[in-house]
Amino acid sequence: MAQRTLACTVCHGKEGRAGPDGYYPRIAGKPAGYLFNQLLSFRDGRRHYGLMARLLDPLSDEYLHEIATHFAALDLPYPAPQPTSATPAMLERGQQLATRGDASVGLPACAACHGTALTGVAPNTPGLLGLPRDYLNAQLGAWRSGQRRAHAPDCMARIARQLRPEDLTALTNWLAAQPVPRDARPVASLPAPAPIACGSASLPAGRQQP
């Protein structure tokens, strides 16, 4: 499978560790269900990037699931985060949004869905650490603009549109500045039910993982 996924690692880096430019994220070690969902979304038009769409268009659900399972099984170290130029006040606000949310504006904490350590939840919710700020900004921007979509209820689109621009910047700066814990694997379950329903964290009704 490593040979068959060379087209993936050309952009996403050796063994899926991330591309060098900040826009091709790490895919190694992400939950298999999340990776499978994203491959389906690129192929089926919920995420828009022409190169990915052309690459995936001829591939079956079963083949995409094999690719997702391959990368999910890779347990590789993360590099240290890049230095940040964010102010202490900005980082404090970012930490609040990530770990506690802001009830005054209806924003749940990122940790409430992505896990207390923000390393993701199996099988379908990704971790948020170890990602470049530029990538995080681009994805939240895509949710806001509708360039990235999920099956209803599209919780991430709702959250991204509720974030004020300065809060979005604070959040992505804080997330990108955090070291990844030694055990970066997604946890098996959340300690409490997620605060909102989320179509991006599950397959649509009637569709099963192969």
Protein backbone atom coordinates (compact mmCIF):
# COMPACT_ATOMS: atom_id res chain seq x y z
CA MET A 1 0.00 0.00 0.00
CA ALA A 2 2.92 2.37 0.64
CA GLN A 3 3.84 2.05 -3.04
CA ARG A 4 0.24 2.54 -4.13
CA THR A 5 -0.08 5.74 -2.10
CA LEU A 6 2.96 7.53 -3.54
CA ALA A 7 0.57 9.96 -5.23
CA CYS A 8 -0.59 10.97 -1.73
CA THR A 9 2.87 11.40 -0.23
CA VAL A 10 4.09 13.61 -3.10
CA CYS A 11 2.00 16.40 -1.52
CA HIS A 12 1.41 15.18 2.03
CA GLY A 13 5.05 14.38 2.70
CA LYS A 14 6.97 11.19 3.38
CA GLU A 15 4.64 8.66 5.02
CA GLY A 16 1.96 11.35 5.18
CA ARG A 17 3.86 13.44 7.77
CA ALA A 18 2.75 16.76 6.10
CA GLY A 19 3.91 18.81 3.15
CA PRO A 20 6.55 21.52 3.56
CA ASP A 21 4.37 24.53 2.68
CA GLY A 22 1.78 24.49 5.47
CA TYR A 23 -1.19 23.69 3.24
CA TYR A 24 -0.87 19.92 2.83
CA PRO A 25 -1.67 18.55 6.27
CA ARG A 26 -0.36 15.52 8.08
CA ILE A 27 -2.54 12.49 7.40
CA ALA A 28 -0.45 9.87 9.22
CA GLY A 29 -2.18 8.71 12.39
CA LYS A 30 -5.48 10.51 11.76
CA PRO A 31 -8.59 8.44 12.59
CA ALA A 32 -9.45 6.07 9.75
CA GLY A 33 -13.09 7.15 9.65
CA TYR A 34 -12.10 10.80 9.39
CA LEU A 35 -9.68 10.13 6.52
CA PHE A 36 -12.27 8.01 4.74
CA ASN A 37 -14.88 10.77 5.13
CA GLN A 38 -12.52 13.37 3.68
CA LEU A 39 -11.59 11.20 0.71
CA LEU A 40 -15.30 10.71 0.00
CA SER A 41 -15.88 14.46 0.36
CA PHE A 42 -13.17 15.34 -2.17
CA ARG A 43 -14.40 12.68 -4.60
CA ASP A 44 -18.08 13.56 -4.19
CA GLY A 45 -17.72 17.36 -4.25
CA ARG A 46 -18.21 18.44 -0.62
CA ARG A 47 -14.58 19.60 -0.51
CA HIS A 48 -13.16 21.44 -3.50
CA TYR A 49 -9.62 20.90 -4.74
CA GLY A 50 -9.29 19.90 -8.37
CA LEU A 51 -6.15 17.78 -8.01
CA MET A 52 -7.70 15.67 -5.24
CA ALA A 53 -10.99 15.32 -7.11
CA ARG A 54 -9.26 14.10 -10.28
CA LEU A 55 -7.07 11.70 -8.32
CA LEU A 56 -9.94 10.16 -6.40
CA ASP A 57 -12.74 10.24 -8.98
CA PRO A 58 -12.10 6.73 -10.38
CA LEU A 59 -11.57 5.08 -6.99
CA SER A 60 -14.18 2.95 -5.21
CA ASP A 61 -15.31 3.32 -1.61
CA GLU A 62 -13.43 0.12 -0.79
CA TYR A 63 -10.16 1.42 -2.21
CA LEU A 64 -10.53 4.76 -0.42
CA HIS A 65 -11.11 2.89 2.82
CA GLU A 66 -7.89 0.93 2.28
CA ILE A 67 -5.98 4.19 1.82
CA ALA A 68 -7.54 5.66 4.96
CA THR A 69 -6.75 2.57 7.01
CA HIS A 70 -3.14 2.55 5.81
CA PHE A 71 -2.43 6.13 6.88
CA ALA A 72 -4.41 5.83 10.12
CA ALA A 73 -2.19 2.93 11.21
CA LEU A 74 1.03 4.97 10.94
CA ASP A 75 2.33 5.97 14.38
CA LEU A 76 5.06 8.53 13.67
CA PRO A 77 6.59 11.32 15.79
CA TYR A 78 5.54 14.92 15.28
CA PRO A 79 7.99 17.81 14.85
CA ALA A 80 8.11 20.62 17.40
CA PRO A 81 5.72 23.51 16.69
CA GLN A 82 7.00 26.55 14.87
CA PRO A 83 7.64 29.69 16.97
CA THR A 84 4.66 32.03 17.18
CA SER A 85 4.53 35.82 17.01
CA ALA A 86 1.10 35.95 18.67
CA THR A 87 0.71 38.11 21.74
CA PRO A 88 0.11 36.56 25.18
CA ALA A 89 -3.42 37.99 25.18
CA MET A 90 -4.15 36.39 21.81
CA LEU A 91 -2.82 33.02 22.96
CA GLU A 92 -4.87 33.23 26.17
CA ARG A 93 -8.04 33.86 24.14
CA GLY A 94 -7.16 30.99 21.80
CA GLN A 95 -6.67 28.64 24.73
CA GLN A 96 -10.02 29.66 26.18
CA LEU A 97 -11.84 28.92 22.93
CA ALA A 98 -10.05 25.60 22.44
CA THR A 99 -10.38 24.25 25.98
CA ARG A 100 -13.43 25.99 27.49
CA GLY A 101 -15.33 27.63 24.64
CA ASP A 102 -17.32 30.82 25.08
CA ALA A 103 -20.93 30.35 26.15
CA SER A 104 -21.62 34.07 25.77
CA VAL A 105 -21.41 33.70 21.98
CA GLY A 106 -22.63 30.10 21.79
CA LEU A 107 -19.25 28.53 21.03
CA PRO A 108 -18.49 25.09 22.52
CA ALA A 109 -14.90 24.21 23.32
CA CYS A 110 -12.94 22.47 20.57
CA ALA A 111 -11.99 19.90 23.23
CA ALA A 112 -15.65 18.98 23.75
CA CYS A 113 -15.66 17.23 20.34
CA HIS A 114 -11.97 16.75 19.45
CA GLY A 115 -10.99 15.24 22.80
CA THR A 116 -9.59 16.70 26.01
CA ALA A 117 -6.04 16.50 24.65
CA LEU A 118 -7.20 17.69 21.20
CA THR A 119 -5.73 14.56 19.59
CA GLY A 120 -9.04 13.42 18.09
CA VAL A 121 -11.64 10.77 18.82
CA ALA A 122 -11.94 7.45 17.00
CA PRO A 123 -13.24 6.69 14.51
CA ASN A 124 -14.26 9.96 12.83
CA THR A 125 -13.02 13.09 14.64
CA PRO A 126 -9.52 14.42 13.86
CA GLY A 127 -6.94 15.88 16.21
CA LEU A 128 -6.22 19.60 15.97
CA LEU A 129 -2.60 19.65 17.15
CA GLY A 130 0.44 19.33 14.90
CA LEU A 131 -1.23 21.34 12.14
CA PRO A 132 0.24 24.56 10.71
CA ARG A 133 -1.55 27.84 11.40
CA ASP A 134 -1.93 28.50 7.65
CA TYR A 135 -3.72 25.19 7.17
CA LEU A 136 -6.05 25.79 10.14
CA ASN A 137 -6.84 29.29 8.85
CA ALA A 138 -7.53 27.94 5.37
CA GLN A 139 -9.89 25.23 6.59
CA LEU A 140 -11.89 27.44 8.92
CA GLY A 141 -12.09 29.97 6.09
CA ALA A 142 -13.36 27.24 3.77
CA TRP A 143 -16.05 26.26 6.28
CA ARG A 144 -17.10 29.92 6.56
CA SER A 145 -17.33 30.42 2.81
CA GLY A 146 -18.97 27.10 1.96
CA GLN A 147 -15.96 25.79 0.04
CA ARG A 148 -15.80 22.96 2.55
CA ARG A 149 -19.01 21.22 3.53
CA ALA A 150 -20.18 18.13 5.40
CA HIS A 151 -23.36 16.14 5.68
CA ALA A 152 -26.04 17.82 7.76
CA PRO A 153 -25.93 18.95 10.47
CA ASP A 154 -22.78 20.75 9.35
CA CYS A 155 -21.54 21.71 12.79
CA MET A 156 -18.13 23.00 11.69
CA ALA A 157 -19.67 25.40 9.19
CA ARG A 158 -21.88 26.76 11.96
CA ILE A 159 -18.99 27.16 14.40
CA ALA A 160 -16.64 28.71 11.83
CA ARG A 161 -19.28 31.31 10.91
CA GLN A 162 -19.84 32.17 14.57
CA LEU A 163 -16.15 32.85 15.16
CA ARG A 164 -15.26 36.51 14.97
CA PRO A 165 -12.20 37.08 12.75
CA GLU A 166 -10.04 37.99 15.75
CA ASP A 167 -11.18 34.84 17.59
CA LEU A 168 -10.44 32.67 14.59
CA THR A 169 -6.92 34.11 14.48
CA ALA A 170 -6.43 33.63 18.22
CA LEU A 171 -7.62 30.03 18.05
CA THR A 172 -5.44 28.98 15.13
CA ASN A 173 -2.38 30.68 16.60
CA TRP A 174 -2.82 28.87 19.91
CA LEU A 175 -3.49 25.47 18.34
CA ALA A 176 -0.48 25.74 16.02
CA ALA A 177 1.80 26.72 18.93
CA GLN A 178 0.99 23.65 21.05
CA PRO A 179 3.36 20.67 21.25
CA VAL A 180 1.79 17.34 20.39
CA PRO A 181 1.67 14.97 23.38
CA ARG A 182 3.82 11.86 23.26
CA ASP A 183 0.72 9.71 22.82
CA ALA A 184 -0.95 11.50 19.92
CA ARG A 185 -3.38 8.72 19.06
CA PRO A 186 -7.10 9.56 18.98
CA VAL A 187 -8.96 8.52 22.11
CA ALA A 188 -11.61 5.82 21.96
CA SER A 189 -14.46 8.01 23.21
CA LEU A 190 -15.35 11.38 24.70
CA PRO A 191 -15.77 11.66 28.50
CA ALA A 192 -19.20 13.25 27.94
CA PRO A 193 -21.58 13.47 24.98
CA ALA A 194 -20.59 16.01 22.33
CA PRO A 195 -22.46 19.31 22.82
CA ILE A 196 -23.73 19.45 19.23
CA ALA A 197 -24.65 16.93 16.55
CA CYS A 198 -22.14 16.84 13.72
CA GLY A 199 -22.56 15.38 10.26
CA SER A 200 -18.85 15.83 9.56
CA ALA A 201 -18.07 13.19 12.19
CA SER A 202 -20.19 10.39 10.74
CA LEU A 203 -21.17 8.76 7.48
CA PRO A 204 -24.63 9.59 6.09
CA ALA A 205 -27.53 7.32 6.97
CA GLY A 206 -27.51 4.08 5.02
CA ARG A 207 -23.81 4.24 4.14
CA GLN A 208 -21.39 1.89 5.88
CA GLN A 209 -17.63 1.82 6.01
CA PRO A 210 -16.41 -1.08 3.86
